[in-house]
N, C-alpha and C. Protein backbone atom coordinates (compact mmCIF):
# COMPACT_ATOMS: atom_id res chain seq x y z
N MET A 1 137.18 96.19 103.02
CA MET A 1 136.90 97.26 103.95
C MET A 1 137.01 96.69 105.37
N GLY A 2 137.76 97.35 106.18
CA GLY A 2 137.98 96.89 107.54
C GLY A 2 136.85 97.27 108.47
N LYS A 3 136.88 96.66 109.62
CA LYS A 3 135.86 96.92 110.63
C LYS A 3 135.85 98.37 111.06
N GLU A 4 137.05 98.97 111.17
CA GLU A 4 137.15 100.37 111.59
C GLU A 4 136.49 101.28 110.57
N GLN A 5 136.62 101.00 109.28
CA GLN A 5 136.02 101.83 108.24
C GLN A 5 134.49 101.74 108.33
N LYS A 6 133.97 100.53 108.54
CA LYS A 6 132.52 100.36 108.64
C LYS A 6 131.99 101.11 109.87
N THR A 7 132.72 101.01 110.97
CA THR A 7 132.31 101.70 112.19
C THR A 7 132.33 103.21 111.98
N GLY A 8 133.34 103.70 111.28
CA GLY A 8 133.44 105.12 110.99
C GLY A 8 132.29 105.60 110.11
N LYS A 9 131.91 104.82 109.11
CA LYS A 9 130.79 105.20 108.25
C LYS A 9 129.48 105.18 109.02
N LYS A 10 129.34 104.18 109.90
CA LYS A 10 128.13 104.10 110.71
C LYS A 10 128.03 105.31 111.65
N ALA A 11 129.14 105.67 112.26
CA ALA A 11 129.18 106.82 113.16
C ALA A 11 128.86 108.10 112.39
N ALA A 12 129.38 108.22 111.18
CA ALA A 12 129.11 109.41 110.35
C ALA A 12 127.64 109.47 109.97
N ALA A 13 127.05 108.34 109.66
CA ALA A 13 125.63 108.29 109.31
C ALA A 13 124.77 108.69 110.52
N GLU A 14 125.14 108.20 111.68
CA GLU A 14 124.41 108.56 112.90
C GLU A 14 124.56 110.05 113.20
N ALA A 15 125.73 110.60 112.97
CA ALA A 15 125.95 112.03 113.19
C ALA A 15 125.12 112.85 112.22
N ASP A 16 125.04 112.41 110.96
CA ASP A 16 124.21 113.09 109.96
C ASP A 16 122.75 113.06 110.36
N ARG A 17 122.30 111.92 110.85
CA ARG A 17 120.91 111.76 111.27
C ARG A 17 120.62 112.67 112.47
N ALA A 18 121.53 112.72 113.42
CA ALA A 18 121.35 113.58 114.59
C ALA A 18 121.32 115.04 114.18
N LYS A 19 122.18 115.44 113.24
CA LYS A 19 122.21 116.81 112.74
C LYS A 19 120.91 117.16 112.05
N GLU A 20 120.39 116.23 111.26
CA GLU A 20 119.14 116.47 110.55
C GLU A 20 117.99 116.63 111.55
N GLN A 21 117.95 115.79 112.59
CA GLN A 21 116.91 115.90 113.60
C GLN A 21 117.03 117.24 114.32
N ASP A 22 118.25 117.66 114.62
CA ASP A 22 118.47 118.95 115.27
C ASP A 22 117.99 120.09 114.37
N ASP A 23 118.22 119.98 113.07
CA ASP A 23 117.76 121.01 112.14
C ASP A 23 116.23 121.09 112.13
N TYR A 24 115.56 119.93 112.15
CA TYR A 24 114.09 119.92 112.21
C TYR A 24 113.60 120.59 113.49
N LEU A 25 114.23 120.27 114.60
CA LEU A 25 113.84 120.84 115.88
C LEU A 25 114.05 122.35 115.89
N GLU A 26 115.18 122.79 115.40
CA GLU A 26 115.48 124.23 115.35
C GLU A 26 114.46 124.97 114.48
N GLU A 27 114.14 124.40 113.32
CA GLU A 27 113.16 125.03 112.44
C GLU A 27 111.79 125.09 113.11
N ALA A 28 111.39 124.02 113.78
CA ALA A 28 110.09 123.99 114.47
C ALA A 28 110.06 125.06 115.55
N LEU A 29 111.15 125.22 116.29
CA LEU A 29 111.20 126.25 117.33
C LEU A 29 111.09 127.64 116.74
N GLU A 30 111.78 127.87 115.64
CA GLU A 30 111.74 129.19 114.99
C GLU A 30 110.35 129.51 114.46
N GLU A 31 109.65 128.49 113.93
CA GLU A 31 108.33 128.70 113.35
C GLU A 31 107.26 128.96 114.40
N THR A 32 107.44 128.53 115.62
CA THR A 32 106.42 128.69 116.66
C THR A 32 106.74 129.81 117.64
N PHE A 33 107.95 130.31 117.66
CA PHE A 33 108.33 131.34 118.61
C PHE A 33 107.71 132.67 118.21
N PRO A 34 107.17 133.46 119.07
CA PRO A 34 107.05 133.35 120.51
C PRO A 34 105.69 132.78 120.94
N ALA A 35 104.96 132.17 120.05
CA ALA A 35 103.66 131.60 120.39
C ALA A 35 103.77 130.54 121.49
N SER A 36 102.67 130.26 122.14
CA SER A 36 102.68 129.27 123.20
C SER A 36 102.31 127.88 122.70
N ASP A 37 102.13 127.72 121.38
CA ASP A 37 101.81 126.42 120.83
C ASP A 37 103.00 125.47 120.95
N PRO A 38 102.74 124.20 121.18
CA PRO A 38 103.85 123.24 121.23
C PRO A 38 104.47 123.07 119.84
N ILE A 39 105.74 122.75 119.82
CA ILE A 39 106.43 122.55 118.55
C ILE A 39 106.05 121.21 117.93
N ALA A 40 106.22 121.10 116.62
CA ALA A 40 105.94 119.86 115.91
C ALA A 40 107.09 119.60 114.94
N PRO A 41 108.24 119.13 115.46
CA PRO A 41 109.38 118.90 114.57
C PRO A 41 109.13 117.73 113.62
N GLY A 42 109.73 117.80 112.44
CA GLY A 42 109.65 116.70 111.50
C GLY A 42 110.56 115.57 111.93
N HIS A 43 110.53 114.51 111.18
CA HIS A 43 111.38 113.36 111.46
C HIS A 43 112.24 113.06 110.25
N PRO A 44 113.51 112.76 110.46
CA PRO A 44 114.38 112.43 109.33
C PRO A 44 113.85 111.19 108.61
N GLN A 45 113.93 111.20 107.32
CA GLN A 45 113.51 110.07 106.52
C GLN A 45 114.72 109.19 106.21
N GLU A 46 114.49 107.89 106.13
CA GLU A 46 115.55 106.98 105.74
C GLU A 46 115.83 107.20 104.25
N ARG A 47 117.09 107.35 103.91
CA ARG A 47 117.50 107.54 102.51
C ARG A 47 118.41 106.40 102.11
N PRO A 48 118.36 106.03 100.84
CA PRO A 48 119.29 105.02 100.38
C PRO A 48 120.73 105.51 100.56
N ALA A 49 121.64 104.59 100.78
CA ALA A 49 123.04 104.95 100.97
C ALA A 49 123.55 105.75 99.77
N GLY A 50 124.24 106.82 100.06
CA GLY A 50 124.84 107.63 99.01
C GLY A 50 123.95 108.70 98.44
N SER A 51 122.66 108.75 98.81
CA SER A 51 121.79 109.78 98.27
C SER A 51 122.03 111.08 99.03
N PRO A 52 122.00 112.21 98.34
CA PRO A 52 122.29 113.49 98.99
C PRO A 52 121.13 113.93 99.88
N ARG A 53 121.47 114.73 100.89
CA ARG A 53 120.46 115.29 101.79
C ARG A 53 119.74 116.41 101.08
N LYS A 54 118.44 116.47 101.21
CA LYS A 54 117.62 117.47 100.60
C LYS A 54 117.77 118.80 101.34
N LYS A 55 118.01 119.87 100.62
CA LYS A 55 118.11 121.20 101.24
C LYS A 55 116.73 121.84 101.25
N SER A 56 116.32 122.39 102.39
CA SER A 56 115.01 123.02 102.48
C SER A 56 115.09 124.53 102.26
N ASP A 57 116.28 125.08 102.15
CA ASP A 57 116.42 126.53 101.97
C ASP A 57 116.34 126.85 100.52
């Protein structure tokens, strides 16, 4: 496996993590709107490589 492939996988993992964090933030905003309470977003959990993302829907 070349350096470019490893970098690409790392970038994809970071993008997945950012997407998951964004999903938590979006859900927290939806759950508290229109209340004046501050949001409490969850935090992405570290998963072993290759494990699927858990669907909350």
